[in-house]
N, C-alpha and C. Protein backbone atom coordinates (compact mmCIF):
# COMPACT_ATOMS: atom_id res chain seq x y z
N MET A 1 -1.70 2.92 9.01
CA MET A 1 -0.70 3.52 8.15
C MET A 1 -1.30 4.60 7.25
N LEU A 2 -2.59 4.63 7.15
CA LEU A 2 -3.23 5.64 6.30
C LEU A 2 -3.13 7.03 6.90
N ALA A 3 -2.84 7.11 8.18
CA ALA A 3 -2.76 8.40 8.85
C ALA A 3 -1.55 9.21 8.37
N LEU A 4 -0.45 8.57 8.10
CA LEU A 4 0.76 9.29 7.68
C LEU A 4 0.57 10.01 6.35
N PRO A 5 0.09 9.36 5.28
CA PRO A 5 -0.09 10.13 4.05
C PRO A 5 -1.15 11.21 4.17
N LEU A 6 -2.21 10.95 4.92
CA LEU A 6 -3.24 11.98 5.09
C LEU A 6 -2.70 13.18 5.86
N TYR A 7 -1.90 12.93 6.88
CA TYR A 7 -1.27 14.02 7.62
C TYR A 7 -0.34 14.83 6.72
N CYS A 8 0.44 14.15 5.89
CA CYS A 8 1.36 14.85 4.99
C CYS A 8 0.60 15.68 3.96
N ILE A 9 -0.52 15.16 3.47
CA ILE A 9 -1.29 15.91 2.47
C ILE A 9 -1.95 17.12 3.12
N ILE A 10 -2.45 16.98 4.33
CA ILE A 10 -3.07 18.11 5.01
C ILE A 10 -2.03 19.18 5.35
N LYS A 11 -0.87 18.74 5.82
CA LYS A 11 0.17 19.69 6.22
C LYS A 11 0.77 20.39 5.01
N ARG A 12 1.16 19.62 4.01
CA ARG A 12 1.76 20.21 2.81
C ARG A 12 1.58 19.23 1.66
N PRO A 13 0.64 19.49 0.77
CA PRO A 13 0.38 18.55 -0.32
C PRO A 13 1.53 18.54 -1.34
N THR A 14 2.26 17.45 -1.35
CA THR A 14 3.36 17.27 -2.30
C THR A 14 3.19 15.94 -3.01
N ALA A 15 4.00 15.74 -4.02
CA ALA A 15 3.93 14.49 -4.79
C ALA A 15 4.24 13.25 -3.93
N PRO A 16 5.27 13.28 -3.07
CA PRO A 16 5.51 12.08 -2.25
C PRO A 16 4.34 11.71 -1.35
N ALA A 17 3.62 12.70 -0.85
CA ALA A 17 2.46 12.41 0.00
C ALA A 17 1.37 11.72 -0.80
N TYR A 18 1.16 12.16 -2.04
CA TYR A 18 0.15 11.53 -2.88
C TYR A 18 0.58 10.12 -3.31
N VAL A 19 1.88 9.91 -3.53
CA VAL A 19 2.36 8.57 -3.87
C VAL A 19 2.15 7.62 -2.70
N MET A 20 2.41 8.11 -1.48
CA MET A 20 2.15 7.28 -0.30
C MET A 20 0.67 6.96 -0.17
N LEU A 21 -0.19 7.94 -0.43
CA LEU A 21 -1.63 7.72 -0.31
C LEU A 21 -2.12 6.70 -1.33
N VAL A 22 -1.64 6.80 -2.56
CA VAL A 22 -2.03 5.83 -3.58
C VAL A 22 -1.52 4.44 -3.23
N GLY A 23 -0.30 4.37 -2.73
CA GLY A 23 0.24 3.08 -2.31
C GLY A 23 -0.58 2.44 -1.21
N GLU A 24 -1.02 3.23 -0.25
CA GLU A 24 -1.88 2.71 0.82
C GLU A 24 -3.24 2.31 0.28
N ALA A 25 -3.78 3.12 -0.63
CA ALA A 25 -5.10 2.81 -1.20
C ALA A 25 -5.06 1.51 -2.01
N VAL A 26 -3.92 1.18 -2.58
CA VAL A 26 -3.78 -0.07 -3.32
C VAL A 26 -3.51 -1.23 -2.36
N GLY A 27 -2.77 -0.99 -1.30
CA GLY A 27 -2.36 -2.06 -0.40
C GLY A 27 -3.39 -2.50 0.61
N ILE A 28 -4.23 -1.59 1.08
CA ILE A 28 -5.22 -1.94 2.11
C ILE A 28 -6.23 -2.97 1.62
N PRO A 29 -6.78 -2.84 0.42
CA PRO A 29 -7.72 -3.89 -0.03
C PRO A 29 -7.07 -5.27 -0.13
N GLY A 30 -5.80 -5.31 -0.42
CA GLY A 30 -5.10 -6.60 -0.47
C GLY A 30 -5.08 -7.30 0.87
N ALA A 31 -4.91 -6.53 1.93
CA ALA A 31 -4.91 -7.12 3.28
C ALA A 31 -6.30 -7.64 3.64
N PHE A 32 -7.32 -6.87 3.34
CA PHE A 32 -8.68 -7.32 3.61
C PHE A 32 -9.04 -8.53 2.77
N PHE A 33 -8.62 -8.53 1.51
CA PHE A 33 -8.92 -9.65 0.63
C PHE A 33 -8.26 -10.92 1.14
N SER A 34 -7.03 -10.81 1.60
CA SER A 34 -6.33 -12.00 2.10
C SER A 34 -7.04 -12.60 3.30
N ALA A 35 -7.49 -11.75 4.20
CA ALA A 35 -8.18 -12.26 5.39
C ALA A 35 -9.55 -12.83 5.05
N TRP A 36 -10.26 -12.16 4.17
CA TRP A 36 -11.62 -12.58 3.84
C TRP A 36 -11.64 -13.80 2.92
N PHE A 37 -10.78 -13.80 1.92
CA PHE A 37 -10.84 -14.85 0.91
C PHE A 37 -10.33 -16.18 1.43
N SER A 38 -9.41 -16.15 2.40
CA SER A 38 -8.93 -17.42 2.93
C SER A 38 -10.06 -18.20 3.60
N VAL A 39 -10.94 -17.52 4.28
CA VAL A 39 -12.08 -18.18 4.92
C VAL A 39 -13.14 -18.53 3.89
N TRP A 40 -13.50 -17.56 3.04
CA TRP A 40 -14.57 -17.76 2.07
C TRP A 40 -14.19 -18.79 1.01
N GLY A 41 -12.98 -18.75 0.53
CA GLY A 41 -12.56 -19.68 -0.52
C GLY A 41 -12.56 -21.13 -0.07
N ILE A 42 -12.18 -21.36 1.16
CA ILE A 42 -12.18 -22.73 1.67
C ILE A 42 -13.60 -23.20 1.93
N ASN A 43 -14.44 -22.32 2.48
CA ASN A 43 -15.83 -22.69 2.75
C ASN A 43 -16.64 -22.86 1.47
N ALA A 44 -16.26 -22.22 0.38
CA ALA A 44 -16.98 -22.34 -0.88
C ALA A 44 -16.52 -23.56 -1.69
N ASN A 45 -15.59 -24.32 -1.15
CA ASN A 45 -15.05 -25.52 -1.80
C ASN A 45 -14.46 -25.21 -3.17
N LEU A 46 -13.73 -24.11 -3.26
CA LEU A 46 -13.04 -23.78 -4.50
C LEU A 46 -11.80 -24.66 -4.64
N PRO A 47 -11.42 -24.97 -5.87
CA PRO A 47 -10.19 -25.75 -6.04
C PRO A 47 -8.98 -24.96 -5.54
N MET A 48 -8.01 -25.67 -5.03
CA MET A 48 -6.82 -25.02 -4.46
C MET A 48 -6.05 -24.22 -5.51
N GLU A 49 -6.08 -24.67 -6.76
CA GLU A 49 -5.38 -23.93 -7.82
C GLU A 49 -6.00 -22.56 -8.02
N GLU A 50 -7.33 -22.47 -7.94
CA GLU A 50 -8.00 -21.18 -8.12
C GLU A 50 -7.72 -20.25 -6.93
N ILE A 51 -7.72 -20.80 -5.73
CA ILE A 51 -7.40 -20.00 -4.56
C ILE A 51 -5.97 -19.48 -4.65
N ALA A 52 -5.06 -20.32 -5.08
CA ALA A 52 -3.66 -19.91 -5.21
C ALA A 52 -3.51 -18.83 -6.29
N ARG A 53 -4.28 -18.91 -7.35
CA ARG A 53 -4.21 -17.90 -8.42
C ARG A 53 -4.68 -16.55 -7.89
N TYR A 54 -5.79 -16.53 -7.14
CA TYR A 54 -6.28 -15.28 -6.58
C TYR A 54 -5.27 -14.67 -5.60
N PHE A 55 -4.68 -15.51 -4.77
CA PHE A 55 -3.68 -15.00 -3.83
C PHE A 55 -2.44 -14.49 -4.56
N GLY A 56 -2.07 -15.11 -5.66
CA GLY A 56 -0.93 -14.63 -6.43
C GLY A 56 -1.18 -13.26 -7.02
N VAL A 57 -2.36 -13.07 -7.59
CA VAL A 57 -2.71 -11.77 -8.18
C VAL A 57 -2.76 -10.69 -7.11
N MET A 58 -3.42 -11.00 -5.99
CA MET A 58 -3.51 -10.01 -4.93
C MET A 58 -2.14 -9.75 -4.29
N GLY A 59 -1.28 -10.73 -4.27
CA GLY A 59 0.07 -10.52 -3.76
C GLY A 59 0.85 -9.54 -4.62
N VAL A 60 0.72 -9.67 -5.93
CA VAL A 60 1.40 -8.74 -6.84
C VAL A 60 0.86 -7.33 -6.67
N ILE A 61 -0.47 -7.21 -6.58
CA ILE A 61 -1.07 -5.88 -6.40
C ILE A 61 -0.66 -5.27 -5.07
N SER A 62 -0.63 -6.05 -4.01
CA SER A 62 -0.22 -5.54 -2.70
C SER A 62 1.25 -5.13 -2.69
N ASN A 63 2.09 -5.88 -3.39
CA ASN A 63 3.51 -5.51 -3.47
C ASN A 63 3.71 -4.22 -4.24
N ILE A 64 2.92 -4.02 -5.29
CA ILE A 64 3.01 -2.75 -6.02
C ILE A 64 2.62 -1.59 -5.11
N GLY A 65 1.56 -1.78 -4.33
CA GLY A 65 1.16 -0.75 -3.38
C GLY A 65 2.22 -0.49 -2.33
N ALA A 66 2.84 -1.54 -1.82
CA ALA A 66 3.90 -1.37 -0.82
C ALA A 66 5.10 -0.64 -1.40
N LEU A 67 5.46 -0.95 -2.63
CA LEU A 67 6.58 -0.25 -3.27
C LEU A 67 6.26 1.22 -3.50
N MET A 68 5.02 1.51 -3.89
CA MET A 68 4.63 2.91 -4.08
C MET A 68 4.69 3.67 -2.76
N PHE A 69 4.20 3.05 -1.68
CA PHE A 69 4.27 3.70 -0.38
C PHE A 69 5.71 3.93 0.04
N ALA A 70 6.56 2.93 -0.15
CA ALA A 70 7.97 3.05 0.24
C ALA A 70 8.68 4.14 -0.57
N CYS A 71 8.41 4.20 -1.86
CA CYS A 71 9.03 5.25 -2.69
C CYS A 71 8.57 6.63 -2.26
N GLY A 72 7.28 6.78 -2.00
CA GLY A 72 6.78 8.07 -1.53
C GLY A 72 7.36 8.46 -0.19
N PHE A 73 7.49 7.49 0.72
CA PHE A 73 8.05 7.77 2.03
C PHE A 73 9.52 8.17 1.93
N LEU A 74 10.29 7.48 1.09
CA LEU A 74 11.70 7.83 0.91
C LEU A 74 11.85 9.20 0.26
N LEU A 75 11.00 9.52 -0.70
CA LEU A 75 11.05 10.85 -1.31
C LEU A 75 10.70 11.93 -0.29
N PHE A 76 9.72 11.63 0.56
CA PHE A 76 9.34 12.58 1.61
C PHE A 76 10.49 12.80 2.57
N LEU A 77 11.16 11.72 3.00
CA LEU A 77 12.31 11.86 3.89
C LEU A 77 13.45 12.62 3.22
N HIS A 78 13.68 12.34 1.96
CA HIS A 78 14.75 13.03 1.23
C HIS A 78 14.49 14.53 1.19
N ASP A 79 13.26 14.92 0.89
CA ASP A 79 12.93 16.34 0.85
C ASP A 79 13.05 16.98 2.23
N ALA A 80 12.57 16.28 3.26
CA ALA A 80 12.62 16.83 4.61
C ALA A 80 14.06 16.99 5.09
N LEU A 81 14.90 15.99 4.83
CA LEU A 81 16.30 16.08 5.27
C LEU A 81 17.08 17.09 4.47
N ARG A 82 16.78 17.22 3.20
CA ARG A 82 17.48 18.21 2.37
C ARG A 82 17.17 19.63 2.84
N LYS A 83 15.91 19.87 3.20
CA LYS A 83 15.55 21.20 3.69
C LYS A 83 16.15 21.47 5.06
N ARG A 84 16.27 20.44 5.89
CA ARG A 84 16.84 20.61 7.23
C ARG A 84 18.34 20.91 7.13
N VAL A 85 19.05 20.29 6.19
CA VAL A 85 20.49 20.52 6.04
C VAL A 85 20.75 21.91 5.48
N SER A 86 19.88 22.41 4.60
CA SER A 86 20.11 23.71 4.00
C SER A 86 19.82 24.86 4.96
N ILE A 87 19.12 24.59 6.05
CA ILE A 87 18.79 25.68 7.00
C ILE A 87 19.97 25.98 7.89
């Protein structure tokens, strides 16, 4: 998914493209953390409450990134469709 914001920034750097890029930059570490921490946290014998707390925090951060990406994508579509209708 990182290819779409990078393509938009290279083609025409606008605010929606940067919002999508920031959203992806926030969301990608959350996915890696979820995959890595589930294995490491169980093997390190951490209490389940602590594991759940970390997953809750990373879930909130990942959701913020997903919302930023979605807002940037919708703004990008709005601009593209508005320009297409005016032509």
